N, C-alpha and C. Protein backbone atom coordinates (compact mmCIF):
# COMPACT_ATOMS: atom_id res chain seq x y z
N UNK A 1 -1.05 -11.32 8.05
CA UNK A 1 -0.17 -10.37 8.67
C UNK A 1 -0.70 -8.99 8.34
N UNK A 2 -0.60 -8.10 9.33
CA UNK A 2 -1.06 -6.72 9.09
C UNK A 2 0.22 -5.76 9.05
N UNK A 3 0.38 -4.99 7.99
CA UNK A 3 1.48 -4.04 7.88
C UNK A 3 0.86 -2.63 7.98
N UNK A 4 1.72 -1.74 8.58
CA UNK A 4 1.40 -0.36 8.44
C UNK A 4 2.62 0.36 7.85
N UNK A 5 2.39 1.02 6.68
CA UNK A 5 3.46 1.59 5.92
C UNK A 5 3.26 3.08 5.73
N UNK A 6 4.28 3.92 5.77
CA UNK A 6 4.09 5.36 5.57
C UNK A 6 4.42 5.54 4.11
N UNK A 7 3.54 6.30 3.41
CA UNK A 7 3.67 6.52 2.01
C UNK A 7 3.56 8.00 1.70
N UNK A 8 4.72 8.72 1.82
CA UNK A 8 4.82 10.20 1.84
C UNK A 8 4.10 10.78 0.51
N UNK A 9 4.26 10.09 -0.57
CA UNK A 9 3.78 10.53 -1.91
C UNK A 9 2.24 10.48 -2.07
N UNK A 10 1.61 9.77 -1.13
CA UNK A 10 0.16 9.56 -1.30
C UNK A 10 -0.54 10.87 -1.00
N UNK A 11 -1.25 11.49 -1.92
CA UNK A 11 -1.89 12.80 -1.63
C UNK A 11 -3.36 12.81 -1.78
N UNK A 12 -3.97 11.83 -2.49
CA UNK A 12 -5.45 11.90 -2.92
C UNK A 12 -5.97 10.45 -2.87
N UNK A 13 -7.21 10.43 -2.99
CA UNK A 13 -7.89 9.12 -3.03
C UNK A 13 -7.53 8.41 -4.32
N UNK A 14 -7.14 8.90 -5.33
CA UNK A 14 -6.66 8.23 -6.58
C UNK A 14 -5.31 7.55 -6.26
N UNK A 15 -4.53 8.21 -5.49
CA UNK A 15 -3.17 7.57 -4.96
C UNK A 15 -3.50 6.33 -4.22
N UNK A 16 -4.45 6.45 -3.27
CA UNK A 16 -4.75 5.33 -2.46
C UNK A 16 -5.34 4.15 -3.29
N UNK A 17 -6.10 4.51 -4.26
CA UNK A 17 -6.57 3.46 -5.13
C UNK A 17 -5.49 2.77 -5.89
N UNK A 18 -4.52 3.48 -6.38
CA UNK A 18 -3.41 2.94 -7.09
C UNK A 18 -2.61 2.02 -6.21
N UNK A 19 -2.41 2.45 -4.96
CA UNK A 19 -1.68 1.69 -3.97
C UNK A 19 -2.38 0.42 -3.67
N UNK A 20 -3.74 0.50 -3.47
CA UNK A 20 -4.47 -0.75 -3.24
C UNK A 20 -4.43 -1.70 -4.49
N UNK A 21 -4.52 -1.17 -5.58
CA UNK A 21 -4.45 -2.02 -6.79
C UNK A 21 -3.11 -2.69 -6.91
N UNK A 22 -2.03 -1.97 -6.56
CA UNK A 22 -0.71 -2.60 -6.58
C UNK A 22 -0.59 -3.77 -5.68
N UNK A 23 -1.14 -3.57 -4.40
CA UNK A 23 -1.02 -4.61 -3.52
C UNK A 23 -1.85 -5.85 -3.89
N UNK A 24 -3.08 -5.60 -4.37
CA UNK A 24 -3.95 -6.54 -4.79
C UNK A 24 -3.53 -7.40 -6.08
N UNK A 25 -2.60 -6.78 -6.79
CA UNK A 25 -2.03 -7.49 -7.92
C UNK A 25 -1.18 -8.68 -7.35
N UNK A 26 -0.52 -8.51 -6.26
CA UNK A 26 0.33 -9.58 -5.79
C UNK A 26 -0.47 -10.45 -4.76
N UNK A 27 -1.62 -9.92 -4.22
CA UNK A 27 -2.34 -10.68 -3.18
C UNK A 27 -3.83 -10.22 -3.40
N UNK A 28 -4.50 -10.94 -4.20
CA UNK A 28 -5.94 -10.60 -4.43
C UNK A 28 -6.83 -10.57 -3.34
N UNK A 29 -6.37 -11.27 -2.18
CA UNK A 29 -7.30 -11.36 -0.96
C UNK A 29 -6.82 -10.34 0.04
N UNK A 30 -5.95 -9.46 -0.30
CA UNK A 30 -5.54 -8.38 0.75
C UNK A 30 -6.63 -7.39 0.95
N UNK A 31 -6.48 -6.71 2.12
CA UNK A 31 -7.32 -5.63 2.43
C UNK A 31 -6.40 -4.37 2.58
N UNK A 32 -6.82 -3.33 1.96
CA UNK A 32 -5.90 -2.10 2.13
C UNK A 32 -6.77 -0.94 2.55
N UNK A 33 -6.31 -0.22 3.56
CA UNK A 33 -6.92 0.98 4.05
C UNK A 33 -5.88 2.11 4.05
N UNK A 34 -6.21 3.19 3.60
CA UNK A 34 -5.36 4.35 3.45
C UNK A 34 -5.90 5.65 4.22
N UNK A 35 -5.00 6.22 5.00
CA UNK A 35 -5.33 7.41 5.76
C UNK A 35 -4.60 8.54 5.10
N UNK A 36 -5.19 9.35 4.35
CA UNK A 36 -4.52 10.46 3.53
C UNK A 36 -3.99 11.46 4.48
N UNK A 37 -4.51 11.72 5.61
CA UNK A 37 -3.97 12.82 6.57
C UNK A 37 -2.66 12.30 7.10
N UNK A 38 -2.60 11.05 7.57
CA UNK A 38 -1.31 10.62 8.21
C UNK A 38 -0.34 9.98 7.17
N UNK A 39 -0.98 9.71 5.95
CA UNK A 39 -0.11 9.04 4.84
C UNK A 39 0.22 7.59 5.28
N UNK A 40 -0.59 7.04 6.12
CA UNK A 40 -0.32 5.66 6.58
C UNK A 40 -1.35 4.73 5.75
N UNK A 41 -0.70 3.63 5.35
CA UNK A 41 -1.45 2.57 4.64
C UNK A 41 -1.49 1.36 5.57
N UNK A 42 -2.65 0.79 5.86
CA UNK A 42 -2.71 -0.39 6.58
C UNK A 42 -3.10 -1.58 5.75
N UNK A 43 -2.42 -2.57 5.73
CA UNK A 43 -2.59 -3.66 4.73
C UNK A 43 -2.59 -5.02 5.37
N UNK A 44 -3.71 -5.79 5.14
CA UNK A 44 -3.73 -7.24 5.61
C UNK A 44 -3.44 -8.04 4.49
N UNK A 45 -2.31 -8.86 4.60
CA UNK A 45 -1.91 -9.59 3.52
C UNK A 45 -1.16 -10.83 3.99
N UNK A 46 -1.11 -11.81 3.04
CA UNK A 46 -0.30 -13.08 3.34
C UNK A 46 1.07 -12.87 2.79
N UNK A 47 1.34 -11.93 2.02
CA UNK A 47 2.67 -11.60 1.38
C UNK A 47 3.65 -11.01 2.35
N UNK A 48 4.89 -11.10 2.05
CA UNK A 48 5.93 -10.53 2.98
C UNK A 48 6.01 -9.05 2.84
N UNK A 49 6.47 -8.36 3.87
CA UNK A 49 6.60 -6.87 3.76
C UNK A 49 7.40 -6.43 2.56
N UNK A 50 8.48 -7.13 2.24
CA UNK A 50 9.34 -6.78 1.16
C UNK A 50 8.56 -6.81 -0.10
N UNK A 51 7.79 -7.87 -0.35
CA UNK A 51 7.02 -7.98 -1.59
C UNK A 51 6.00 -6.76 -1.69
N UNK A 52 5.38 -6.51 -0.61
CA UNK A 52 4.34 -5.44 -0.56
C UNK A 52 5.03 -4.06 -0.85
N UNK A 53 6.12 -3.87 -0.22
CA UNK A 53 6.84 -2.55 -0.43
C UNK A 53 7.28 -2.43 -1.89
N UNK A 54 7.79 -3.51 -2.52
CA UNK A 54 8.11 -3.51 -3.90
C UNK A 54 6.96 -3.29 -4.86
N UNK A 55 5.77 -3.87 -4.61
CA UNK A 55 4.67 -3.60 -5.40
C UNK A 55 4.12 -2.19 -5.31
N UNK A 56 4.16 -1.59 -4.05
CA UNK A 56 3.75 -0.18 -3.96
C UNK A 56 4.79 0.72 -4.61
N UNK A 57 6.11 0.44 -4.42
CA UNK A 57 7.09 1.25 -5.11
C UNK A 57 6.96 1.24 -6.53
N UNK A 58 6.66 -0.01 -7.18
CA UNK A 58 6.54 -0.09 -8.55
C UNK A 58 5.40 0.64 -9.11
N UNK A 59 4.42 0.96 -8.33
CA UNK A 59 3.28 1.78 -8.72
C UNK A 59 3.65 3.37 -8.60
N UNK A 60 4.89 3.64 -8.17
CA UNK A 60 5.36 5.08 -8.06
C UNK A 60 5.21 5.66 -6.66
N UNK A 61 4.97 4.85 -5.64
CA UNK A 61 4.78 5.40 -4.40
C UNK A 61 5.69 4.61 -3.27
N UNK A 62 6.89 5.08 -3.26
CA UNK A 62 7.89 4.45 -2.32
C UNK A 62 7.42 4.65 -0.87
N UNK A 63 7.70 3.62 0.05
CA UNK A 63 7.38 3.59 1.38
C UNK A 63 8.59 3.96 2.20
N UNK A 64 8.39 4.49 3.39
CA UNK A 64 9.47 4.66 4.37
C UNK A 64 9.21 3.94 5.64
């Protein structure tokens, strides 16, 4: 499944790396791409949207 989530607090490449690591903690096969300008994160994962949102939020980056 592919998810597109808006992450307003994502401001730099380090933020994007933290988000990718958080998602890969729950799904090591996931692919994460972040667009810092639009603050959109595109995630290909087998996990549910709620699980992915929780993982990202636990890293300090709540999604909307």
